[in-house]
Amino acid sequence: MTATAAEKTASAAEKTGAHTPEAAGVITGARERIDALDDRIIGLIQERVAVSAVIQEARITSGGRRVNLSREMEILNHYSEALGKPGTSLAMTLLELCRGRI
């Protein structure tokens, strides 16, 4: 059974919250772009975790501590300056992911 144009429009409105087919198309396209960006961001975070593990291993092997608090403060400030208060929360989450198990 083939859906009518009205059914397709209603379905698109339900999925996107749009009230016109044009708006639903814009939203659908933008969501696809966001999904692609999210995939890239996740990949970059995974890469950051791996690089951080290398740094931690080198630091620990040389007799140092796993975490360098002054470096973490630099990162927190960088994100805060770039993104405001939410940047600090984002940086805290990234640092938590990258520290591994302490």
C-alpha atoms as a PDB file:
ATOM      1  CA  MET A   1       0.000   0.000   0.000  1.00  0.00           C
ATOM      2  CA  THR A   2       1.370   3.419  -0.982  1.00  0.00           C
ATOM      3  CA  ALA A   3       1.064   6.346   1.407  1.00  0.00           C
ATOM      4  CA  THR A   4      -0.768   9.406   0.193  1.00  0.00           C
ATOM      5  CA  ALA A   5       0.897  12.820   0.089  1.00  0.00           C
ATOM      6  CA  ALA A   6      -1.112  13.869   3.143  1.00  0.00           C
ATOM      7  CA  GLU A   7       0.072  10.786   5.054  1.00  0.00           C
ATOM      8  CA  LYS A   8       3.695  11.466   4.078  1.00  0.00           C
ATOM      9  CA  THR A   9       3.374  15.097   5.202  1.00  0.00           C
ATOM     10  CA  ALA A  10       1.790  14.027   8.477  1.00  0.00           C
ATOM     11  CA  SER A  11       4.544  11.469   9.018  1.00  0.00           C
ATOM     12  CA  ALA A  12       7.265  14.039   8.294  1.00  0.00           C
ATOM     13  CA  ALA A  13       5.605  16.480  10.682  1.00  0.00           C
ATOM     14  CA  GLU A  14       5.570  13.847  13.427  1.00  0.00           C
ATOM     15  CA  LYS A  15       9.257  13.046  12.907  1.00  0.00           C
ATOM     16  CA  THR A  16      10.469  16.635  12.582  1.00  0.00           C
ATOM     17  CA  GLY A  17       7.880  18.835  14.243  1.00  0.00           C
ATOM     18  CA  ALA A  18       7.606  20.794  10.988  1.00  0.00           C
ATOM     19  CA  HIS A  19       4.320  22.073   9.629  1.00  0.00           C
ATOM     20  CA  THR A  20       5.271  22.109   5.951  1.00  0.00           C
ATOM     21  CA  PRO A  21       7.007  19.602   3.677  1.00  0.00           C
ATOM     22  CA  GLU A  22       9.664  22.210   2.893  1.00  0.00           C
ATOM     23  CA  ALA A  23      10.505  22.685   6.573  1.00  0.00           C
ATOM     24  CA  ALA A  24      10.498  18.921   7.109  1.00  0.00           C
ATOM     25  CA  GLY A  25      12.997  18.573   4.262  1.00  0.00           C
ATOM     26  CA  VAL A  26      15.274  21.235   5.743  1.00  0.00           C
ATOM     27  CA  ILE A  27      15.091  19.632   9.177  1.00  0.00           C
ATOM     28  CA  THR A  28      15.712  16.135   7.816  1.00  0.00           C
ATOM     29  CA  GLY A  29      18.756  17.319   5.886  1.00  0.00           C
ATOM     30  CA  ALA A  30      20.109  19.267   8.850  1.00  0.00           C
ATOM     31  CA  ARG A  31      19.613  16.285  11.140  1.00  0.00           C
ATOM     32  CA  GLU A  32      21.575  14.093   8.732  1.00  0.00           C
ATOM     33  CA  ARG A  33      24.398  16.647   8.870  1.00  0.00           C
ATOM     34  CA  ILE A  34      24.248  16.697  12.688  1.00  0.00           C
ATOM     35  CA  ASP A  35      24.396  12.890  12.762  1.00  0.00           C
ATOM     36  CA  ALA A  36      27.478  12.980  10.511  1.00  0.00           C
ATOM     37  CA  LEU A  37      29.086  15.645  12.710  1.00  0.00           C
ATOM     38  CA  ASP A  38      28.306  13.610  15.827  1.00  0.00           C
ATOM     39  CA  ASP A  39      30.002  10.587  14.266  1.00  0.00           C
ATOM     40  CA  ARG A  40      33.099  12.703  13.564  1.00  0.00           C
ATOM     41  CA  ILE A  41      33.060  14.172  17.077  1.00  0.00           C
ATOM     42  CA  ILE A  42      32.825  10.692  18.606  1.00  0.00           C
ATOM     43  CA  GLY A  43      35.742   9.546  16.445  1.00  0.00           C
ATOM     44  CA  LEU A  44      37.806  12.550  17.532  1.00  0.00           C
ATOM     45  CA  ILE A  45      36.999  11.887  21.173  1.00  0.00           C
ATOM     46  CA  GLN A  46      38.075   8.270  20.771  1.00  0.00           C
ATOM     47  CA  GLU A  47      41.312   9.480  19.188  1.00  0.00           C
ATOM     48  CA  ARG A  48      41.811  11.955  22.047  1.00  0.00           C
ATOM     49  CA  VAL A  49      41.328   9.161  24.595  1.00  0.00           C
ATOM     50  CA  ALA A  50      43.987   7.075  22.836  1.00  0.00           C
ATOM     51  CA  VAL A  51      46.481   9.960  22.688  1.00  0.00           C
ATOM     52  CA  SER A  52      45.827  10.763  26.326  1.00  0.00           C
ATOM     53  CA  ALA A  53      46.548   7.135  27.237  1.00  0.00           C
ATOM     54  CA  VAL A  54      49.951   7.410  25.523  1.00  0.00           C
ATOM     55  CA  ILE A  55      50.733  10.571  27.495  1.00  0.00           C
ATOM     56  CA  GLN A  56      49.631   8.999  30.781  1.00  0.00           C
ATOM     57  CA  GLU A  57      51.667   5.868  30.141  1.00  0.00           C
ATOM     58  CA  ALA A  58      54.791   7.943  29.406  1.00  0.00           C
ATOM     59  CA  ARG A  59      54.239  10.060  32.496  1.00  0.00           C
ATOM     60  CA  ILE A  60      53.669   7.060  34.788  1.00  0.00           C
ATOM     61  CA  THR A  61      56.570   5.084  33.323  1.00  0.00           C
ATOM     62  CA  SER A  62      58.869   8.031  33.986  1.00  0.00           C
ATOM     63  CA  GLY A  63      57.787   8.092  37.637  1.00  0.00           C
ATOM     64  CA  GLY A  64      55.206  10.847  37.288  1.00  0.00           C
ATOM     65  CA  ARG A  65      51.545  10.994  38.172  1.00  0.00           C
ATOM     66  CA  ARG A  66      48.761   9.958  35.834  1.00  0.00           C
ATOM     67  CA  VAL A  67      47.088  13.377  35.976  1.00  0.00           C
ATOM     68  CA  ASN A  68      48.723  16.774  35.491  1.00  0.00           C
ATOM     69  CA  LEU A  69      46.367  19.213  37.199  1.00  0.00           C
ATOM     70  CA  SER A  70      47.948  22.351  35.737  1.00  0.00           C
ATOM     71  CA  ARG A  71      47.448  20.934  32.229  1.00  0.00           C
ATOM     72  CA  GLU A  72      43.849  20.095  33.054  1.00  0.00           C
ATOM     73  CA  MET A  73      43.294  23.694  34.174  1.00  0.00           C
ATOM     74  CA  GLU A  74      44.692  24.907  30.826  1.00  0.00           C
ATOM     75  CA  ILE A  75      42.196  22.686  29.029  1.00  0.00           C
ATOM     76  CA  LEU A  76      39.292  23.838  31.211  1.00  0.00           C
ATOM     77  CA  ASN A  77      40.188  27.483  30.591  1.00  0.00           C
ATOM     78  CA  HIS A  78      40.541  26.896  26.838  1.00  0.00           C
ATOM     79  CA  TYR A  79      37.077  25.349  26.559  1.00  0.00           C
ATOM     80  CA  SER A  80      35.535  27.937  28.868  1.00  0.00           C
ATOM     81  CA  GLU A  81      36.969  30.822  26.838  1.00  0.00           C
ATOM     82  CA  ALA A  82      35.807  29.270  23.574  1.00  0.00           C
ATOM     83  CA  LEU A  83      32.359  28.059  24.634  1.00  0.00           C
ATOM     84  CA  GLY A  84      31.448  29.782  27.884  1.00  0.00           C
ATOM     85  CA  LYS A  85      30.174  27.962  30.952  1.00  0.00           C
ATOM     86  CA  PRO A  86      28.948  24.923  28.990  1.00  0.00           C
ATOM     87  CA  GLY A  87      32.499  24.608  27.650  1.00  0.00           C
ATOM     88  CA  THR A  88      33.736  23.964  31.172  1.00  0.00           C
ATOM     89  CA  SER A  89      31.254  21.117  31.569  1.00  0.00           C
ATOM     90  CA  LEU A  90      32.238  19.706  28.198  1.00  0.00           C
ATOM     91  CA  ALA A  91      35.935  19.889  29.109  1.00  0.00           C
ATOM     92  CA  MET A  92      35.279  18.169  32.439  1.00  0.00           C
ATOM     93  CA  THR A  93      33.536  15.339  30.604  1.00  0.00           C
ATOM     94  CA  LEU A  94      36.379  15.031  28.092  1.00  0.00           C
ATOM     95  CA  LEU A  95      38.959  14.988  30.875  1.00  0.00           C
ATOM     96  CA  GLU A  96      36.989  12.310  32.704  1.00  0.00           C
ATOM     97  CA  LEU A  97      36.825  10.182  29.550  1.00  0.00           C
ATOM     98  CA  CYS A  98      40.532  10.661  28.848  1.00  0.00           C
ATOM     99  CA  ARG A  99      41.863  10.027  32.339  1.00  0.00           C
ATOM    100  CA  GLY A 100      40.876   6.406  32.284  1.00  0.00           C
ATOM    101  CA  ARG A 101      40.533   4.653  35.587  1.00  0.00           C
ATOM    102  CA  ILE A 102      42.372   6.426  38.370  1.00  0.00           C
END
